Amino acid sequence: EGKVYPGMSIRVTDSAGAAVIDAPDLFTQYDAEGLDPEVAAELSGNITIGTPMVNGGEYLWEVKVWDKKGDGTINASMNFTAVE
């Protein structure tokens, strides 16, 4: 078939551990047809800083990218401070 089936979750929590963003799978639109490997090699995601985040607030950003039909997984996390 030659297609890949990526998944990507993004979660941002505040300093108390409460989720301010919780997106379990941003790539569900590719579940049925998949993507060509060349396209999947350049997938990206982003977050928008805004309500309920507050200026000066400290947050933890976590992202997971996985292959829905395989074993591949990438996990990353980063602490950040929201600033205007």
PDB file of N, CA and C in Angstrom:
ATOM      1  N   GLU A   1       0.833  -1.202   0.000  1.00  0.00           N
ATOM      2  CA  GLU A   1       0.000   0.000   0.000  1.00  0.00           C
ATOM      3  C   GLU A   1       0.868   1.252   0.000  1.00  0.00           C
ATOM      4  N   GLY A   2       2.011   1.235   0.709  1.00  0.00           N
ATOM      5  CA  GLY A   2       2.940   2.351   0.655  1.00  0.00           C
ATOM      6  C   GLY A   2       2.549   3.598   1.406  1.00  0.00           C
ATOM      7  N   LYS A   3       1.550   3.534   2.248  1.00  0.00           N
ATOM      8  CA  LYS A   3       1.093   4.703   3.004  1.00  0.00           C
ATOM      9  C   LYS A   3       1.549   4.593   4.455  1.00  0.00           C
ATOM     10  N   VAL A   4       1.581   5.728   5.137  1.00  0.00           N
ATOM     11  CA  VAL A   4       1.855   5.764   6.572  1.00  0.00           C
ATOM     12  C   VAL A   4       0.646   6.383   7.268  1.00  0.00           C
ATOM     13  N   TYR A   5       0.486   6.037   8.543  1.00  0.00           N
ATOM     14  CA  TYR A   5      -0.687   6.457   9.309  1.00  0.00           C
ATOM     15  C   TYR A   5      -0.224   7.081  10.627  1.00  0.00           C
ATOM     16  N   PRO A   6       0.090   8.376  10.603  1.00  0.00           N
ATOM     17  CA  PRO A   6       0.643   9.025  11.789  1.00  0.00           C
ATOM     18  C   PRO A   6      -0.432   9.434  12.787  1.00  0.00           C
ATOM     19  N   GLY A   7      -0.016   9.519  14.033  1.00  0.00           N
ATOM     20  CA  GLY A   7      -0.826  10.116  15.084  1.00  0.00           C
ATOM     21  C   GLY A   7       0.018  11.155  15.788  1.00  0.00           C
ATOM     22  N   MET A   8      -0.621  12.182  16.342  1.00  0.00           N
ATOM     23  CA  MET A   8       0.100  13.183  17.125  1.00  0.00           C
ATOM     24  C   MET A   8      -0.803  13.691  18.240  1.00  0.00           C
ATOM     25  N   SER A   9      -0.314  13.597  19.470  1.00  0.00           N
ATOM     26  CA  SER A   9      -1.040  14.174  20.598  1.00  0.00           C
ATOM     27  C   SER A   9      -0.228  15.324  21.173  1.00  0.00           C
ATOM     28  N   ILE A  10      -0.943  16.330  21.652  1.00  0.00           N
ATOM     29  CA  ILE A  10      -0.316  17.470  22.327  1.00  0.00           C
ATOM     30  C   ILE A  10      -1.061  17.705  23.628  1.00  0.00           C
ATOM     31  N   ARG A  11      -0.299  17.886  24.685  1.00  0.00           N
ATOM     32  CA  ARG A  11      -0.874  18.184  26.001  1.00  0.00           C
ATOM     33  C   ARG A  11      -0.036  19.282  26.639  1.00  0.00           C
ATOM     34  N   VAL A  12      -0.697  20.296  27.159  1.00  0.00           N
ATOM     35  CA  VAL A  12      -0.036  21.365  27.903  1.00  0.00           C
ATOM     36  C   VAL A  12      -0.693  21.424  29.271  1.00  0.00           C
ATOM     37  N   THR A  13       0.137  21.391  30.311  1.00  0.00           N
ATOM     38  CA  THR A  13      -0.373  21.485  31.679  1.00  0.00           C
ATOM     39  C   THR A  13       0.240  22.690  32.375  1.00  0.00           C
ATOM     40  N   ASP A  14      -0.525  23.252  33.318  1.00  0.00           N
ATOM     41  CA  ASP A  14      -0.015  24.395  34.080  1.00  0.00           C
ATOM     42  C   ASP A  14       0.816  23.901  35.257  1.00  0.00           C
ATOM     43  N   SER A  15       1.314  24.820  36.070  1.00  0.00           N
ATOM     44  CA  SER A  15       2.210  24.463  37.173  1.00  0.00           C
ATOM     45  C   SER A  15       1.522  23.615  38.236  1.00  0.00           C
ATOM     46  N   ALA A  16       0.182  23.604  38.256  1.00  0.00           N
ATOM     47  CA  ALA A  16      -0.566  22.763  39.193  1.00  0.00           C
ATOM     48  C   ALA A  16      -0.878  21.394  38.592  1.00  0.00           C
ATOM     49  N   GLY A  17      -0.503  21.180  37.325  1.00  0.00           N
ATOM     50  CA  GLY A  17      -0.756  19.909  36.664  1.00  0.00           C
ATOM     51  C   GLY A  17      -2.083  19.833  35.934  1.00  0.00           C
ATOM     52  N   ALA A  18      -2.838  20.933  35.910  1.00  0.00           N
ATOM     53  CA  ALA A  18      -4.123  20.957  35.205  1.00  0.00           C
ATOM     54  C   ALA A  18      -3.892  21.128  33.708  1.00  0.00           C
ATOM     55  N   ALA A  19      -4.604  20.357  32.904  1.00  0.00           N
ATOM     56  CA  ALA A  19      -4.465  20.442  31.447  1.00  0.00           C
ATOM     57  C   ALA A  19      -5.114  21.717  30.930  1.00  0.00           C
ATOM     58  N   VAL A  20      -4.362  22.501  30.155  1.00  0.00           N
ATOM     59  CA  VAL A  20      -4.922  23.680  29.486  1.00  0.00           C
ATOM     60  C   VAL A  20      -5.112  23.403  27.994  1.00  0.00           C
ATOM     61  N   ILE A  21      -4.383  22.432  27.466  1.00  0.00           N
ATOM     62  CA  ILE A  21      -4.591  21.907  26.113  1.00  0.00           C
ATOM     63  C   ILE A  21      -4.462  20.394  26.220  1.00  0.00           C
ATOM     64  N   ASP A  22      -5.412  19.676  25.649  1.00  0.00           N
ATOM     65  CA  ASP A  22      -5.351  18.216  25.642  1.00  0.00           C
ATOM     66  C   ASP A  22      -5.945  17.722  24.329  1.00  0.00           C
ATOM     67  N   ALA A  23      -5.089  17.493  23.358  1.00  0.00           N
ATOM     68  CA  ALA A  23      -5.504  17.039  22.026  1.00  0.00           C
ATOM     69  C   ALA A  23      -4.957  15.625  21.825  1.00  0.00           C
ATOM     70  N   PRO A  24      -5.797  14.596  21.986  1.00  0.00           N
ATOM     71  CA  PRO A  24      -5.303  13.216  21.949  1.00  0.00           C
ATOM     72  C   PRO A  24      -4.827  12.730  20.586  1.00  0.00           C
ATOM     73  N   ASP A  25      -5.354  13.283  19.491  1.00  0.00           N
ATOM     74  CA  ASP A  25      -4.869  12.891  18.162  1.00  0.00           C
ATOM     75  C   ASP A  25      -5.223  13.968  17.150  1.00  0.00           C
ATOM     76  N   LEU A  26      -4.218  14.709  16.727  1.00  0.00           N
ATOM     77  CA  LEU A  26      -4.417  15.795  15.769  1.00  0.00           C
ATOM     78  C   LEU A  26      -4.442  15.325  14.317  1.00  0.00           C
ATOM     79  N   PHE A  27      -4.158  14.047  14.072  1.00  0.00           N
ATOM     80  CA  PHE A  27      -4.057  13.564  12.697  1.00  0.00           C
ATOM     81  C   PHE A  27      -5.122  12.534  12.337  1.00  0.00           C
ATOM     82  N   THR A  28      -6.289  12.593  12.931  1.00  0.00           N
ATOM     83  CA  THR A  28      -7.346  11.625  12.610  1.00  0.00           C
ATOM     84  C   THR A  28      -7.801  11.737  11.161  1.00  0.00           C
ATOM     85  N   GLN A  29      -7.588  12.885  10.535  1.00  0.00           N
ATOM     86  CA  GLN A  29      -8.015  13.048   9.142  1.00  0.00           C
ATOM     87  C   GLN A  29      -7.245  12.138   8.188  1.00  0.00           C
ATOM     88  N   TYR A  30      -6.137  11.549   8.656  1.00  0.00           N
ATOM     89  CA  TYR A  30      -5.351  10.658   7.808  1.00  0.00           C
ATOM     90  C   TYR A  30      -5.631   9.179   8.083  1.00  0.00           C
ATOM     91  N   ASP A  31      -6.551   8.875   8.999  1.00  0.00           N
ATOM     92  CA  ASP A  31      -6.799   7.488   9.395  1.00  0.00           C
ATOM     93  C   ASP A  31      -7.269   6.608   8.243  1.00  0.00           C
ATOM     94  N   ALA A  32      -8.139   7.102   7.389  1.00  0.00           N
ATOM     95  CA  ALA A  32      -8.719   6.267   6.335  1.00  0.00           C
ATOM     96  C   ALA A  32      -7.776   6.060   5.154  1.00  0.00           C
ATOM     97  N   GLU A  33      -7.175   7.129   4.673  1.00  0.00           N
ATOM     98  CA  GLU A  33      -6.371   7.060   3.445  1.00  0.00           C
ATOM     99  C   GLU A  33      -4.868   7.000   3.676  1.00  0.00           C
ATOM    100  N   GLY A  34      -4.407   7.431   4.851  1.00  0.00           N
ATOM    101  CA  GLY A  34      -2.977   7.476   5.103  1.00  0.00           C
ATOM    102  C   GLY A  34      -2.302   8.593   4.321  1.00  0.00           C
ATOM    103  N   LEU A  35      -0.993   8.663   4.446  1.00  0.00           N
ATOM    104  CA  LEU A  35      -0.183   9.675   3.765  1.00  0.00           C
ATOM    105  C   LEU A  35       0.968   9.005   3.033  1.00  0.00           C
ATOM    106  N   ASP A  36       1.426   9.655   1.977  1.00  0.00           N
ATOM    107  CA  ASP A  36       2.651   9.207   1.337  1.00  0.00           C
ATOM    108  C   ASP A  36       3.804   9.443   2.308  1.00  0.00           C
ATOM    109  N   PRO A  37       4.768   8.530   2.378  1.00  0.00           N
ATOM    110  CA  PRO A  37       5.885   8.685   3.312  1.00  0.00           C
ATOM    111  C   PRO A  37       6.623  10.014   3.169  1.00  0.00           C
ATOM    112  N   GLU A  38       6.735  10.536   1.946  1.00  0.00           N
ATOM    113  CA  GLU A  38       7.442  11.801   1.739  1.00  0.00           C
ATOM    114  C   GLU A  38       6.717  12.954   2.436  1.00  0.00           C
ATOM    115  N   VAL A  39       5.403  12.927   2.422  1.00  0.00           N
ATOM    116  CA  VAL A  39       4.607  13.968   3.086  1.00  0.00           C
ATOM    117  C   VAL A  39       4.705  13.809   4.601  1.00  0.00           C
ATOM    118  N   ALA A  40       4.594  12.587   5.086  1.00  0.00           N
ATOM    119  CA  ALA A  40       4.638  12.328   6.529  1.00  0.00           C
ATOM    120  C   ALA A  40       5.988  12.682   7.135  1.00  0.00           C
ATOM    121  N   ALA A  41       7.041  12.696   6.340  1.00  0.00           N
ATOM    122  CA  ALA A  41       8.374  13.033   6.846  1.00  0.00           C
ATOM    123  C   ALA A  41       8.471  14.485   7.279  1.00  0.00           C
ATOM    124  N   GLU A  42       7.506  15.325   6.885  1.00  0.00           N
ATOM    125  CA  GLU A  42       7.557  16.747   7.201  1.00  0.00           C
ATOM    126  C   GLU A  42       6.310  17.235   7.926  1.00  0.00           C
ATOM    127  N   LEU A  43       5.678  16.395   8.733  1.00  0.00           N
ATOM    128  CA  LEU A  43       4.516  16.815   9.509  1.00  0.00           C
ATOM    129  C   LEU A  43       4.951  17.732  10.642  1.00  0.00           C
ATOM    130  N   SER A  44       4.067  18.630  11.051  1.00  0.00           N
ATOM    131  CA  SER A  44       4.387  19.518  12.165  1.00  0.00           C
ATOM    132  C   SER A  44       3.121  19.806  12.957  1.00  0.00           C
ATOM    133  N   GLY A  45       3.315  20.306  14.148  1.00  0.00           N
ATOM    134  CA  GLY A  45       2.214  20.735  15.002  1.00  0.00           C
ATOM    135  C   GLY A  45       2.638  21.978  15.745  1.00  0.00           C
ATOM    136  N   ASN A  46       1.683  22.735  16.231  1.00  0.00           N
ATOM    137  CA  ASN A  46       2.024  23.928  17.005  1.00  0.00           C
ATOM    138  C   ASN A  46       0.951  24.184  18.041  1.00  0.00           C
ATOM    139  N   ILE A  47       1.252  25.052  18.973  1.00  0.00           N
ATOM    140  CA  ILE A  47       0.277  25.482  19.971  1.00  0.00           C
ATOM    141  C   ILE A  47       0.172  26.999  19.913  1.00  0.00           C
ATOM    142  N   THR A  48      -0.995  27.489  20.245  1.00  0.00           N
ATOM    143  CA  THR A  48      -1.222  28.930  20.317  1.00  0.00           C
ATOM    144  C   THR A  48      -1.309  29.321  21.785  1.00  0.00           C
ATOM    145  N   ILE A  49      -0.510  30.293  22.166  1.00  0.00           N
ATOM    146  CA  ILE A  49      -0.514  30.764  23.547  1.00  0.00           C
ATOM    147  C   ILE A  49      -1.664  31.751  23.708  1.00  0.00           C
ATOM    148  N   GLY A  50      -2.562  31.468  24.620  1.00  0.00           N
ATOM    149  CA  GLY A  50      -3.721  32.323  24.864  1.00  0.00           C
ATOM    150  C   GLY A  50      -4.546  31.729  25.989  1.00  0.00           C
ATOM    151  N   THR A  51      -5.705  32.300  26.231  1.00  0.00           N
ATOM    152  CA  THR A  51      -6.587  31.835  27.294  1.00  0.00           C
ATOM    153  C   THR A  51      -6.824  30.335  27.138  1.00  0.00           C
ATOM    154  N   PRO A  52      -6.686  29.543  28.182  1.00  0.00           N
ATOM    155  CA  PRO A  52      -6.583  29.892  29.594  1.00  0.00           C
ATOM    156  C   PRO A  52      -5.161  30.102  30.102  1.00  0.00           C
ATOM    157  N   MET A  53      -4.157  30.111  29.230  1.00  0.00           N
ATOM    158  CA  MET A  53      -2.800  30.419  29.679  1.00  0.00           C
ATOM    159  C   MET A  53      -2.719  31.888  30.055  1.00  0.00           C
ATOM    160  N   VAL A  54      -1.851  32.174  31.013  1.00  0.00           N
ATOM    161  CA  VAL A  54      -1.720  33.556  31.482  1.00  0.00           C
ATOM    162  C   VAL A  54      -0.280  34.023  31.314  1.00  0.00           C
ATOM    163  N   ASN A  55      -0.116  35.318  31.106  1.00  0.00           N
ATOM    164  CA  ASN A  55       1.206  35.910  30.985  1.00  0.00           C
ATOM    165  C   ASN A  55       2.007  35.610  32.248  1.00  0.00           C
ATOM    166  N   GLY A  56       3.198  35.084  32.085  1.00  0.00           N
ATOM    167  CA  GLY A  56       4.057  34.735  33.209  1.00  0.00           C
ATOM    168  C   GLY A  56       3.811  33.340  33.755  1.00  0.00           C
ATOM    169  N   GLY A  57       2.785  32.668  33.269  1.00  0.00           N
ATOM    170  CA  GLY A  57       2.492  31.313  33.736  1.00  0.00           C
ATOM    171  C   GLY A  57       3.520  30.313  33.231  1.00  0.00           C
ATOM    172  N   GLU A  58       3.790  29.303  34.049  1.00  0.00           N
ATOM    173  CA  GLU A  58       4.741  28.259  33.681  1.00  0.00           C
ATOM    174  C   GLU A  58       3.971  27.012  33.283  1.00  0.00           C
ATOM    175  N   TYR A  59       4.409  26.383  32.174  1.00  0.00           N
ATOM    176  CA  TYR A  59       3.673  25.273  31.585  1.00  0.00           C
ATOM    177  C   TYR A  59       4.618  24.168  31.137  1.00  0.00           C
ATOM    178  N   LEU A  60       4.052  22.978  31.010  1.00  0.00           N
ATOM    179  CA  LEU A  60       4.767  21.830  30.460  1.00  0.00           C
ATOM    180  C   LEU A  60       4.059  21.419  29.177  1.00  0.00           C
ATOM    181  N   TRP A  61       4.798  21.401  28.070  1.00  0.00           N
ATOM    182  CA  TRP A  61       4.283  20.970  26.771  1.00  0.00           C
ATOM    183  C   TRP A  61       4.800  19.562  26.513  1.00  0.00           C
ATOM    184  N   GLU A  62       3.881  18.635  26.192  1.00  0.00           N
ATOM    185  CA  GLU A  62       4.249  17.261  25.877  1.00  0.00           C
ATOM    186  C   GLU A  62       3.658  16.899  24.518  1.00  0.00           C
ATOM    187  N   VAL A  63       4.449  16.252  23.691  1.00  0.00           N
ATOM    188  CA  VAL A  63       3.977  15.822  22.373  1.00  0.00           C
ATOM    189  C   VAL A  63       4.396  14.372  22.156  1.00  0.00           C
ATOM    190  N   LYS A  64       3.505  13.639  21.521  1.00  0.00           N
ATOM    191  CA  LYS A  64       3.789  12.256  21.133  1.00  0.00           C
ATOM    192  C   LYS A  64       3.405  12.109  19.667  1.00  0.00           C
ATOM    193  N   VAL A  65       4.311  11.557  18.874  1.00  0.00           N
ATOM    194  CA  VAL A  65       4.043  11.236  17.472  1.00  0.00           C
ATOM    195  C   VAL A  65       4.236   9.730  17.347  1.00  0.00           C
ATOM    196  N   TRP A  66       3.273   9.062  16.717  1.00  0.00           N
ATOM    197  CA  TRP A  66       3.366   7.615  16.606  1.00  0.00           C
ATOM    198  C   TRP A  66       2.846   7.128  15.266  1.00  0.00           C
ATOM    199  N   ASP A  67       3.216   5.901  14.964  1.00  0.00           N
ATOM    200  CA  ASP A  67       2.775   5.200  13.758  1.00  0.00           C
ATOM    201  C   ASP A  67       1.600   4.317  14.165  1.00  0.00           C
ATOM    202  N   LYS A  68       0.416   4.605  13.646  1.00  0.00           N
ATOM    203  CA  LYS A  68      -0.785   3.871  14.043  1.00  0.00           C
ATOM    204  C   LYS A  68      -0.797   2.422  13.556  1.00  0.00           C
ATOM    205  N   LYS A  69       0.047   2.095  12.607  1.00  0.00           N
ATOM    206  CA  LYS A  69       0.091   0.721  12.103  1.00  0.00           C
ATOM    207  C   LYS A  69       1.471   0.106  12.297  1.00  0.00           C
ATOM    208  N   GLY A  70       2.223   0.639  13.233  1.00  0.00           N
ATOM    209  CA  GLY A  70       3.563   0.130  13.498  1.00  0.00           C
ATOM    210  C   GLY A  70       3.951   0.398  14.940  1.00  0.00           C
ATOM    211  N   ASP A  71       5.234   0.257  15.221  1.00  0.00           N
ATOM    212  CA  ASP A  71       5.740   0.402  16.582  1.00  0.00           C
ATOM    213  C   ASP A  71       6.442   1.723  16.844  1.00  0.00           C
ATOM    214  N   GLY A  72       6.628   2.552  15.829  1.00  0.00           N
ATOM    215  CA  GLY A  72       7.398   3.780  15.990  1.00  0.00           C
ATOM    216  C   GLY A  72       6.700   4.811  16.858  1.00  0.00           C
ATOM    217  N   THR A  73       7.449   5.405  17.789  1.00  0.00           N
ATOM    218  CA  THR A  73       6.933   6.451  18.674  1.00  0.00           C
ATOM    219  C   THR A  73       8.043   7.455  18.959  1.00  0.00           C
ATOM    220  N   ILE A  74       7.680   8.736  18.954  1.00  0.00           N
ATOM    221  CA  ILE A  74       8.584   9.807  19.376  1.00  0.00           C
ATOM    222  C   ILE A  74       7.865  10.577  20.470  1.00  0.00           C
ATOM    223  N   ASN A  75       8.524  10.778  21.609  1.00  0.00           N
ATOM    224  CA  ASN A  75       7.985  11.569  22.708  1.00  0.00           C
ATOM    225  C   ASN A  75       8.924  12.732  22.982  1.00  0.00           C
ATOM    226  N   ALA A  76       8.347  13.893  23.255  1.00  0.00           N
ATOM    227  CA  ALA A  76       9.157  15.066  23.600  1.00  0.00           C
ATOM    228  C   ALA A  76       8.384  15.905  24.606  1.00  0.00           C
ATOM    229  N   SER A  77       9.118  16.663  25.409  1.00  0.00           N
ATOM    230  CA  SER A  77       8.478  17.582  26.351  1.00  0.00           C
ATOM    231  C   SER A  77       9.376  18.792  26.551  1.00  0.00           C
ATOM    232  N   MET A  78       8.749  19.887  26.979  1.00  0.00           N
ATOM    233  CA  MET A  78       9.491  21.124  27.176  1.00  0.00           C
ATOM    234  C   MET A  78       8.737  21.995  28.176  1.00  0.00           C
ATOM    235  N   ASN A  79       9.442  22.552  29.123  1.00  0.00           N
ATOM    236  CA  ASN A  79       8.866  23.552  30.019  1.00  0.00           C
ATOM    237  C   ASN A  79       8.980  24.911  29.350  1.00  0.00           C
ATOM    238  N   PHE A  80       7.960  25.765  29.541  1.00  0.00           N
ATOM    239  CA  PHE A  80       8.024  27.115  28.989  1.00  0.00           C
ATOM    240  C   PHE A  80       7.231  28.073  29.855  1.00  0.00           C
ATOM    241  N   THR A  81       7.549  29.351  29.699  1.00  0.00           N
ATOM    242  CA  THR A  81       6.838  30.434  30.366  1.00  0.00           C
ATOM    243  C   THR A  81       6.131  31.256  29.301  1.00  0.00           C
ATOM    244  N   ALA A  82       4.841  31.502  29.491  1.00  0.00           N
ATOM    245  CA  ALA A  82       4.072  32.309  28.538  1.00  0.00           C
ATOM    246  C   ALA A  82       4.404  33.781  28.758  1.00  0.00           C
ATOM    247  N   VAL A  83       4.757  34.478  27.678  1.00  0.00           N
ATOM    248  CA  VAL A  83       5.046  35.913  27.748  1.00  0.00           C
ATOM    249  C   VAL A  83       4.367  36.619  26.584  1.00  0.00           C
ATOM    250  N   GLU A  84       4.036  37.870  26.803  1.00  0.00           N
ATOM    251  CA  GLU A  84       3.430  38.677  25.736  1.00  0.00           C
ATOM    252  C   GLU A  84       4.483  39.142  24.768  1.00  0.00           C
TER     253      GLU A  84
END
